[in-house]
Amino acid sequence: MTLLDDAAKGLGAALLPLVTGLLLEELTFGGLVRLLIAPWPKTKRTPQRNHLEGKHATNGERKCSH
């Protein structure tokens, strides 16, 4: 029984730094990579916005909807 306890302690001591390093890497680099590589969301052109680009807009500017 003591052999099993010693083996479990040794395995835990060997795996703890590895698991801690992987967790730290995932929290830092994993999140940063997802933020940098994730595509930007595209906006849809709705008909409500298209009416502002007609005769009231000057020099390519849009009129405020308020």
Protein backbone atom coordinates (compact mmCIF):
# COMPACT_ATOMS: atom_id res chain seq x y z
CA MET A 1 0.00 0.00 0.00
CA THR A 2 2.84 2.37 0.71
CA LEU A 3 4.24 1.67 -2.73
CA LEU A 4 0.98 2.82 -4.30
CA ASP A 5 0.97 5.95 -2.13
CA ASP A 6 4.54 6.77 -3.06
CA ALA A 7 3.79 6.24 -6.76
CA ALA A 8 0.74 8.52 -6.61
CA LYS A 9 2.72 11.24 -4.82
CA GLY A 10 5.54 10.98 -7.34
CA LEU A 11 3.16 11.11 -10.28
CA GLY A 12 1.33 14.07 -8.77
CA ALA A 13 4.58 15.92 -8.18
CA ALA A 14 5.66 15.29 -11.77
CA LEU A 15 2.34 16.28 -13.35
CA LEU A 16 1.60 19.38 -11.26
CA PRO A 17 4.13 21.69 -13.02
CA LEU A 18 3.04 20.40 -16.42
CA VAL A 19 -0.64 20.94 -15.74
CA THR A 20 0.02 24.38 -14.22
CA GLY A 21 2.08 25.42 -17.25
CA LEU A 22 -0.57 24.23 -19.69
CA LEU A 23 -3.31 26.05 -17.78
CA LEU A 24 -1.29 29.28 -17.71
CA GLU A 25 -0.55 28.97 -21.43
CA GLU A 26 -4.20 28.43 -22.28
CA LEU A 27 -5.33 31.38 -20.20
CA THR A 28 -2.78 33.76 -21.74
CA PHE A 29 -1.79 32.71 -25.26
CA GLY A 30 -4.96 30.78 -26.02
CA GLY A 31 -7.15 33.79 -25.33
CA LEU A 32 -4.81 36.16 -27.17
CA VAL A 33 -4.68 33.96 -30.24
CA ARG A 34 -8.46 33.70 -30.33
CA LEU A 35 -8.77 37.47 -30.08
CA LEU A 36 -6.20 38.15 -32.80
CA ILE A 37 -7.28 35.50 -35.28
CA ALA A 38 -11.05 35.76 -34.82
CA PRO A 39 -12.72 37.43 -37.82
CA TRP A 40 -14.32 40.83 -37.35
CA PRO A 41 -18.12 40.72 -37.43
CA LYS A 42 -19.61 42.12 -40.60
CA THR A 43 -22.51 44.53 -40.51
CA LYS A 44 -25.51 44.08 -42.74
CA ARG A 45 -26.78 46.89 -44.88
CA THR A 46 -30.40 47.28 -43.97
CA PRO A 47 -32.99 49.16 -46.04
CA GLN A 48 -33.56 51.58 -43.15
CA ARG A 49 -29.97 52.77 -43.43
CA ASN A 50 -29.99 52.99 -47.21
CA HIS A 51 -32.53 55.82 -47.33
CA LEU A 52 -30.06 58.11 -45.54
CA GLU A 53 -27.52 57.86 -48.36
CA GLY A 54 -29.74 59.48 -50.97
CA LYS A 55 -30.23 63.14 -51.71
CA HIS A 56 -29.59 64.35 -48.15
CA ALA A 57 -26.05 63.04 -47.91
CA THR A 58 -23.25 65.31 -49.07
CA ASN A 59 -19.74 64.28 -50.05
CA GLY A 60 -20.32 60.64 -49.13
CA GLU A 61 -21.29 61.46 -45.55
CA ARG A 62 -24.27 59.89 -43.88
CA LYS A 63 -26.92 61.85 -42.10
CA CYS A 64 -27.57 61.04 -38.46
CA SER A 65 -30.76 59.04 -37.89
CA HIS A 66 -31.87 61.20 -34.93
